[in-house]
Amino acid sequence: MKVLSINAGSSSMKFTAYEMPEEKVLISGYIERIGIGDSFYTLKVNGDKVEKHVDVSDHKSAFEIVVDELKAYNIVESLDEIKAMGHRIVQGGSYFDKSVVVTDDVMAKIEELAPLAPLHNPAALVGIRAALEVFPDALQVVVFDTAFHQTMAESKYLYALPYEWCSKYNVRRFGAHGTSHKYVSMRANEILGRSDTRLITCHIGSGASISAVVNGKCENTSMGLTPNAGLVMGTRCGDIDATILPYMIRKGFTVDELDTIMNKKSGLLGISGQYSDARDIVYGWENGDERCILARDMFVDRVVDYIAKYYFEMGGCDMIVFTAGMGEKSRPFRAEIMKRLGVIGIELDEEANEKCFGTEGMISTADSKIPCYVIPTDEEVMIARDAYNLL
């Protein structure tokens, strides 16, 4: 049975076709610059990578490209073979604690929550509507980044603000990257050979979050009402003193200006003054750039803060997992983080860390009190699984 996994952005769309339940990848692609000119897409199929430049005016056109390529590479002969499609949704609020089939009511709730994920929810809705038009017979399923975190206790997800703000205005911790945290925690349990575990999962990339996962369920997570909370990130500031905002407004900044600065001009970029990419930060600190060294130290401090916090909240830890762009590929950042964790008995295996680049592996020594693993995430297969299971 063939299932499509879809991750639509405002001007992009990632897709992967699977043969289910085998979870065999048949073809994957990334369509970029939808509706803004100079559009192109890349495909990975049969071990080859192909790039094509073609006008893609809207998301419906993008799905038509998907159809053409599925047929061109003999993935399908007709659209009837695509039985289900799973769509990634960043914000599901408190409405959804699991993936669901698309209905008018579900679409309305995703739209209602758009102010909490203005770059993602509206784009996903555009993608779903286009998919309904191009694939009218496929079951459409939505998979929420926030769903995994709905198991948090009220004491974890509430802020110490007027209690009614949560029920009236949805002001609470929702988290993000839930699909990724769920995937790597499931894989960690497979490695450990049991499900009664206490895990700290570190999804660290340009966007970054850390979760405490107990017996397969999220107990706490670093992101909050929006993805701009918790860790220092590529361009996001993470946790700050909330009073900074009214203070800066009195200094003449507008709300919109501050929102842009906190989300797009802060984090590693704001500290270093020029770099948001971890590779550039590493190059800078290795060459003595003091601002890059400062950015490194602030990033590592925040990661260690959350790992320590969750270690004590859970009363221990059975595994620490690194995943996403930096977690999977930035050996220097992983090393800096693990060296700071020596106080709780963690020991870095430097040789194993050097060998582990985008692949699964243990990067702590055999004597380390807590095993530390790199586990590459796979949100696409989680989306496909949920679509298949609902079908």
Protein backbone atom coordinates (compact mmCIF):
# COMPACT_ATOMS: atom_id res chain seq x y z
CA MET A 1 0.00 0.00 0.00
CA LYS A 2 1.35 3.42 -0.97
CA VAL A 3 1.25 6.37 1.43
CA LEU A 4 2.53 9.93 0.99
CA SER A 5 4.11 11.95 3.80
CA ILE A 6 3.76 15.73 3.28
CA ASN A 7 5.44 18.68 5.01
CA ALA A 8 4.21 21.91 3.42
CA GLY A 9 5.67 25.33 4.12
CA SER A 10 4.52 28.71 2.85
CA SER A 11 6.74 28.43 -0.25
CA SER A 12 8.02 24.85 -0.07
CA MET A 13 6.87 21.27 0.17
CA LYS A 14 8.68 18.08 1.17
CA PHE A 15 7.21 14.74 0.23
CA THR A 16 8.10 11.09 0.63
CA ALA A 17 6.26 8.13 -0.85
CA TYR A 18 6.34 4.89 1.13
CA GLU A 19 5.32 1.32 0.54
CA MET A 20 3.48 0.46 3.75
CA PRO A 21 3.61 -1.30 6.12
CA GLU A 22 7.16 -2.17 5.01
CA GLU A 23 8.11 1.54 5.32
CA LYS A 24 10.13 1.28 2.13
CA VAL A 25 10.97 4.70 0.69
CA LEU A 26 9.97 4.78 -2.98
CA ILE A 27 10.78 8.40 -3.78
CA SER A 28 11.30 11.65 -1.88
CA GLY A 29 11.48 15.25 -2.96
CA TYR A 30 11.70 18.86 -1.92
CA ILE A 31 9.94 21.55 -3.96
CA GLU A 32 11.22 25.08 -3.22
CA ARG A 33 10.24 28.68 -3.98
CA ILE A 34 6.59 27.86 -4.67
CA GLY A 35 4.81 30.94 -6.00
CA ILE A 36 7.80 33.29 -5.73
CA GLY A 37 9.70 32.62 -8.95
CA ASP A 38 12.88 30.68 -9.78
CA SER A 39 11.24 27.57 -8.33
CA PHE A 40 12.91 24.18 -8.51
CA TYR A 41 12.78 20.77 -6.91
CA THR A 42 15.09 17.91 -6.04
CA LEU A 43 14.25 14.23 -6.10
CA LYS A 44 15.88 11.20 -4.51
CA VAL A 45 14.91 7.97 -6.24
CA ASN A 46 16.65 4.69 -7.03
CA GLY A 47 19.80 5.94 -5.30
CA ASP A 48 20.05 9.01 -7.54
CA LYS A 49 19.54 12.70 -6.80
CA VAL A 50 17.92 14.80 -9.52
CA GLU A 51 17.33 18.57 -9.61
CA LYS A 52 14.80 20.17 -11.94
CA HIS A 53 13.92 23.83 -12.54
CA VAL A 54 10.29 24.49 -13.39
CA ASP A 55 7.66 27.12 -12.62
CA VAL A 56 5.59 26.16 -9.57
CA SER A 57 2.88 28.77 -9.16
CA ASP A 58 1.05 27.33 -6.15
CA HIS A 59 0.70 24.23 -3.99
CA LYS A 60 -1.75 22.61 -6.37
CA SER A 61 0.93 22.84 -9.07
CA ALA A 62 3.39 21.32 -6.60
CA PHE A 63 1.13 18.31 -6.06
CA GLU A 64 0.70 17.96 -9.81
CA ILE A 65 4.50 17.72 -10.05
CA VAL A 66 4.41 15.00 -7.40
CA VAL A 67 1.84 13.11 -9.50
CA ASP A 68 3.93 13.46 -12.66
CA GLU A 69 7.09 12.20 -10.95
CA LEU A 70 5.30 9.30 -9.27
CA LYS A 71 4.16 8.19 -12.70
CA ALA A 72 7.43 8.98 -14.49
CA TYR A 73 9.40 6.74 -12.13
CA ASN A 74 6.71 4.03 -12.18
CA ILE A 75 5.93 4.46 -8.50
CA VAL A 76 2.24 4.40 -9.43
CA GLU A 77 0.25 3.89 -12.59
CA SER A 78 -2.79 5.79 -11.32
CA LEU A 79 -3.61 8.06 -8.38
CA ASP A 80 -5.89 5.37 -6.95
CA GLU A 81 -2.76 3.64 -5.68
CA ILE A 82 -2.12 6.45 -3.20
CA LYS A 83 -4.38 5.34 -0.39
CA ALA A 84 -3.47 7.89 2.28
CA MET A 85 -1.55 11.13 2.82
CA GLY A 86 -0.18 12.43 6.11
CA HIS A 87 0.35 16.16 6.63
CA ARG A 88 2.62 17.68 9.29
CA ILE A 89 0.92 20.39 11.38
CA VAL A 90 3.05 22.39 13.81
CA GLN A 91 0.33 23.60 16.19
CA GLY A 92 -2.63 21.49 17.28
CA GLY A 93 -3.17 23.26 20.58
CA SER A 94 -4.99 21.35 23.31
CA TYR A 95 -7.51 20.05 20.77
CA PHE A 96 -5.39 17.16 19.50
CA ASP A 97 -3.39 14.56 21.42
CA LYS A 98 -3.06 12.26 18.41
CA SER A 99 -3.20 12.28 14.62
CA VAL A 100 -6.67 12.52 13.07
CA VAL A 101 -8.44 12.28 9.73
CA VAL A 102 -9.06 15.63 8.03
CA THR A 103 -12.58 16.99 8.44
CA ASP A 104 -14.05 20.49 8.13
CA ASP A 105 -13.96 20.81 11.93
CA VAL A 106 -10.30 19.77 12.07
CA MET A 107 -9.43 22.30 9.37
CA ALA A 108 -11.28 25.03 11.28
CA LYS A 109 -9.35 24.28 14.48
CA ILE A 110 -5.99 24.32 12.63
CA GLU A 111 -6.94 27.72 11.22
CA GLU A 112 -8.04 28.96 14.65
CA LEU A 113 -4.60 28.08 16.03
CA ALA A 114 -2.73 29.81 13.21
CA PRO A 115 -1.72 32.83 15.37
CA LEU A 116 0.37 30.41 17.48
CA ALA A 117 2.20 29.13 14.38
CA PRO A 118 1.74 31.87 11.76
CA LEU A 119 4.46 30.57 9.42
CA HIS A 120 3.34 26.94 9.54
CA ASN A 121 -0.38 26.32 10.12
CA PRO A 122 -1.65 28.52 7.25
CA ALA A 123 0.86 26.95 4.84
CA ALA A 124 -0.16 23.46 5.93
CA LEU A 125 -3.82 24.29 5.28
CA VAL A 126 -2.93 25.43 1.78
CA GLY A 127 -1.18 22.11 1.25
CA ILE A 128 -4.12 20.07 2.56
CA ARG A 129 -6.63 21.90 0.36
CA ALA A 130 -4.40 21.34 -2.67
CA ALA A 131 -4.02 17.66 -1.77
CA LEU A 132 -7.79 17.25 -1.46
CA GLU A 133 -8.15 18.66 -4.97
CA VAL A 134 -5.39 16.63 -6.63
CA PHE A 135 -5.84 13.40 -4.59
CA PRO A 136 -9.61 13.35 -3.95
CA ASP A 137 -9.76 9.62 -3.16
CA ALA A 138 -6.83 9.42 -0.71
CA LEU A 139 -7.48 9.54 3.02
CA GLN A 140 -6.06 12.83 4.32
CA VAL A 141 -4.53 12.70 7.81
CA VAL A 142 -2.98 15.45 9.95
CA VAL A 143 -0.06 14.75 12.31
CA PHE A 144 0.61 17.37 15.00
CA ASP A 145 4.01 18.41 16.36
CA THR A 146 2.29 19.32 19.63
CA ALA A 147 0.37 16.05 20.12
CA PHE A 148 3.21 14.14 21.79
CA HIS A 149 3.50 16.81 24.48
CA GLN A 150 -0.18 16.65 25.50
CA THR A 151 0.70 14.15 28.24
CA MET A 152 2.40 16.88 30.30
CA ALA A 153 0.85 17.55 33.70
CA GLU A 154 -0.90 20.87 34.29
CA SER A 155 1.91 21.89 36.63
CA LYS A 156 4.36 21.50 33.72
CA TYR A 157 2.44 23.21 30.92
CA LEU A 158 0.95 26.17 32.80
CA TYR A 159 2.74 29.47 33.24
CA ALA A 160 2.54 31.33 36.56
CA LEU A 161 0.14 33.85 35.03
CA PRO A 162 -3.57 34.38 35.76
CA TYR A 163 -5.04 30.87 35.60
CA GLU A 164 -7.83 31.95 33.24
CA TRP A 165 -5.34 32.96 30.54
CA CYS A 166 -4.96 29.30 29.61
CA SER A 167 -8.66 28.62 29.06
CA LYS A 168 -9.45 32.03 27.54
CA TYR A 169 -6.38 32.69 25.41
CA ASN A 170 -4.54 29.34 25.07
CA VAL A 171 -1.55 30.74 26.99
CA ARG A 172 0.29 27.56 28.03
CA ARG A 173 3.25 25.40 27.06
CA PHE A 174 2.54 23.37 23.92
CA GLY A 175 6.04 22.39 22.82
CA ALA A 176 7.09 21.44 19.31
CA HIS A 177 9.16 18.81 17.45
CA GLY A 178 6.88 16.23 19.06
CA THR A 179 6.98 13.89 16.09
CA SER A 180 10.77 13.84 16.27
CA HIS A 181 10.90 13.38 20.05
CA LYS A 182 8.43 10.51 19.78
CA TYR A 183 10.41 8.78 17.03
CA VAL A 184 13.80 8.91 18.77
CA SER A 185 12.33 7.94 22.15
CA MET A 186 10.74 4.86 20.55
CA ARG A 187 14.07 3.97 18.96
CA ALA A 188 15.88 4.54 22.28
CA ASN A 189 13.53 2.09 23.97
CA GLU A 190 14.28 -0.46 21.26
CA ILE A 191 18.01 -0.05 21.91
CA LEU A 192 17.52 -0.37 25.67
CA GLY A 193 15.22 -3.35 25.18
CA ARG A 194 12.45 -2.07 27.43
CA SER A 195 9.74 0.59 27.65
CA ASP A 196 9.98 1.57 31.34
CA THR A 197 12.59 4.23 30.67
CA ARG A 198 13.54 7.79 31.53
CA LEU A 199 14.94 9.55 28.47
CA ILE A 200 16.22 13.03 27.66
CA THR A 201 15.79 13.66 23.94
CA CYS A 202 17.71 16.59 22.47
CA HIS A 203 16.39 17.79 19.10
CA ILE A 204 19.02 20.41 18.37
CA GLY A 205 19.19 22.16 15.04
CA SER A 206 18.41 25.67 13.87
CA GLY A 207 15.23 25.17 15.87
CA ALA A 208 15.93 23.25 19.06
CA SER A 209 14.08 21.63 21.93
CA ILE A 210 14.69 19.09 24.69
CA SER A 211 12.10 16.73 26.17
CA ALA A 212 11.86 14.55 29.25
CA VAL A 213 10.20 11.28 28.24
CA VAL A 214 9.08 8.79 30.89
CA ASN A 215 7.81 5.35 29.83
CA GLY A 216 7.27 6.62 26.29
CA LYS A 217 5.28 9.72 27.29
CA CYS A 218 6.38 13.33 27.38
CA GLU A 219 6.69 14.66 30.92
CA ASN A 220 8.18 18.05 30.05
CA THR A 221 9.60 19.96 27.08
CA SER A 222 11.61 23.14 26.61
CA MET A 223 9.56 24.94 23.97
CA GLY A 224 6.52 26.85 25.15
CA LEU A 225 3.47 28.61 23.77
CA THR A 226 5.46 29.02 20.57
CA PRO A 227 8.74 27.54 19.28
CA ASN A 228 10.60 30.61 20.59
CA ALA A 229 11.20 29.32 24.11
CA GLY A 230 13.78 27.22 25.86
CA LEU A 231 17.13 26.81 24.15
CA VAL A 232 19.28 29.34 22.31
CA MET A 233 18.61 28.57 18.62
CA GLY A 234 19.86 29.62 15.20
CA THR A 235 17.95 32.92 15.11
CA ARG A 236 15.55 32.56 18.09
CA CYS A 237 16.41 33.88 21.53
CA GLY A 238 14.79 31.15 23.64
CA ASP A 239 14.11 31.88 27.32
CA ILE A 240 14.36 35.54 28.30
CA ASP A 241 13.06 37.79 31.08
CA ALA A 242 9.59 38.79 29.85
CA THR A 243 10.04 42.32 31.22
CA ILE A 244 12.63 42.98 28.52
CA LEU A 245 9.75 43.41 26.05
CA PRO A 246 7.85 46.29 27.69
CA TYR A 247 11.23 47.84 28.54
CA MET A 248 12.25 47.84 24.86
CA ILE A 249 8.81 49.06 23.78
CA ARG A 250 9.35 52.09 26.01
CA LYS A 251 12.68 52.54 24.24
CA GLY A 252 10.81 52.96 20.97
CA PHE A 253 10.58 49.46 19.48
CA THR A 254 7.22 48.25 18.18
CA VAL A 255 5.68 44.88 19.03
CA ASP A 256 6.22 43.69 15.44
CA GLU A 257 9.86 44.79 15.47
CA LEU A 258 10.52 42.91 18.69
CA ASP A 259 8.76 39.82 17.37
CA THR A 260 10.99 39.87 14.28
CA ILE A 261 14.15 40.46 16.34
CA MET A 262 13.40 37.65 18.81
CA ASN A 263 12.59 35.13 16.09
CA LYS A 264 14.87 36.08 13.21
CA LYS A 265 17.77 38.17 14.53
CA SER A 266 18.61 36.61 17.89
CA GLY A 267 20.06 33.28 19.05
CA LEU A 268 23.41 32.28 17.57
CA LEU A 269 23.00 35.01 14.94
CA GLY A 270 22.37 37.74 17.48
CA ILE A 271 25.23 36.69 19.75
CA SER A 272 27.85 36.07 17.06
CA GLY A 273 26.74 39.06 15.02
CA GLN A 274 26.91 37.19 11.71
CA TYR A 275 26.30 33.43 11.91
CA SER A 276 23.20 31.34 12.58
CA ASP A 277 24.60 28.06 11.21
CA ALA A 278 26.40 25.80 13.70
CA ARG A 279 29.11 25.00 11.16
CA ASP A 280 30.02 28.68 10.89
CA ILE A 281 30.01 29.05 14.67
CA VAL A 282 32.37 26.07 15.00
CA TYR A 283 34.70 27.50 12.35
CA GLY A 284 34.68 30.85 14.14
CA TRP A 285 35.44 29.50 17.60
CA GLU A 286 38.19 27.22 16.28
CA ASN A 287 39.77 30.31 14.74
CA GLY A 288 39.55 32.42 17.86
CA ASP A 289 36.43 34.49 17.10
CA GLU A 290 35.38 35.65 20.59
CA ARG A 291 31.75 36.22 19.61
CA CYS A 292 31.50 32.69 18.19
CA ILE A 293 33.04 31.31 21.40
CA LEU A 294 30.46 33.29 23.37
CA ALA A 295 27.64 31.93 21.17
CA ARG A 296 28.96 28.39 21.73
CA ASP A 297 29.12 28.84 25.48
CA MET A 298 25.61 30.28 25.72
CA PHE A 299 24.13 27.53 23.55
CA VAL A 300 25.90 24.77 25.49
CA ASP A 301 24.94 26.34 28.84
CA ARG A 302 21.25 26.31 27.93
CA VAL A 303 21.34 22.71 26.68
CA VAL A 304 23.10 21.56 29.85
CA ASP A 305 20.63 23.56 31.97
CA TYR A 306 17.68 21.64 30.51
CA ILE A 307 19.37 18.25 30.62
CA ALA A 308 20.18 18.81 34.31
CA LYS A 309 16.66 20.04 35.00
CA TYR A 310 15.05 16.98 33.45
CA TYR A 311 17.59 14.61 35.02
CA PHE A 312 16.45 15.71 38.47
CA GLU A 313 12.76 15.98 37.54
CA MET A 314 12.73 12.35 36.40
CA GLY A 315 14.93 11.13 39.25
CA GLY A 316 17.61 9.90 36.88
CA CYS A 317 18.00 9.04 33.21
CA ASP A 318 18.48 5.85 31.19
CA MET A 319 19.67 7.50 27.97
CA ILE A 320 20.41 10.91 26.47
CA VAL A 321 19.63 11.17 22.76
CA PHE A 322 21.02 13.71 20.28
CA THR A 323 19.11 14.24 17.04
CA ALA A 324 18.33 16.79 14.27
CA GLY A 325 20.93 18.81 12.35
CA MET A 326 23.39 19.72 15.11
CA GLY A 327 22.60 16.69 17.22
CA GLU A 328 23.31 14.31 14.35
CA LYS A 329 26.22 16.08 12.64
CA SER A 330 27.95 18.63 14.86
CA ARG A 331 30.64 16.62 16.61
CA PRO A 332 32.19 19.71 18.31
CA PHE A 333 28.90 20.86 19.84
CA ARG A 334 28.07 17.34 21.07
CA ALA A 335 31.53 17.08 22.63
CA GLU A 336 31.18 20.43 24.43
CA ILE A 337 27.79 19.45 25.83
CA MET A 338 28.91 16.02 27.03
CA LYS A 339 32.07 17.34 28.66
CA ARG A 340 29.90 19.65 30.76
CA LEU A 341 27.84 16.64 31.89
CA GLY A 342 30.76 14.84 33.50
CA VAL A 343 29.45 15.83 36.93
CA ILE A 344 26.62 13.28 36.58
CA GLY A 345 28.96 10.53 35.42
CA ILE A 346 28.80 10.99 31.65
CA GLU A 347 32.00 10.24 29.74
CA LEU A 348 32.53 11.14 26.10
CA ASP A 349 34.06 8.55 23.77
CA GLU A 350 35.95 10.98 21.54
CA GLU A 351 36.70 8.41 18.85
CA ALA A 352 33.08 7.26 18.67
CA ASN A 353 31.89 10.87 18.55
CA GLU A 354 34.21 11.61 15.61
CA LYS A 355 32.93 8.58 13.70
CA CYS A 356 29.28 9.41 14.27
CA PHE A 357 28.08 11.80 11.57
CA GLY A 358 24.42 11.48 10.61
CA THR A 359 24.39 7.85 11.68
CA GLU A 360 23.15 6.03 14.76
CA GLY A 361 25.67 5.21 17.41
CA MET A 362 26.69 5.45 21.05
CA ILE A 363 29.10 8.32 21.71
CA SER A 364 29.65 7.76 25.43
CA THR A 365 32.14 5.32 26.89
CA ALA A 366 31.20 1.90 28.23
CA ASP A 367 31.90 3.26 31.74
CA SER A 368 29.57 6.23 31.34
CA LYS A 369 26.77 6.15 33.93
CA ILE A 370 24.28 7.28 31.28
CA PRO A 371 24.59 6.03 27.68
CA CYS A 372 24.48 8.84 25.13
CA TYR A 373 23.38 8.09 21.58
CA VAL A 374 23.02 9.85 18.27
CA ILE A 375 19.74 8.72 16.72
CA PRO A 376 18.86 10.31 13.35
CA THR A 377 15.26 11.44 13.44
CA ASP A 378 12.66 10.43 10.85
CA GLU A 379 9.55 12.57 11.12
CA GLU A 380 8.42 11.55 7.63
CA VAL A 381 8.09 7.88 8.49
CA MET A 382 6.15 8.78 11.66
CA ILE A 383 3.71 10.77 9.53
CA ALA A 384 3.36 7.85 7.12
CA ARG A 385 2.80 5.40 9.98
CA ASP A 386 -0.03 7.45 11.44
CA ALA A 387 -1.67 7.88 8.04
CA TYR A 388 -1.41 4.14 7.39
CA ASN A 389 -2.74 3.22 10.83
CA LEU A 390 -5.73 5.55 10.52
CA LEU A 391 -6.47 4.10 7.11
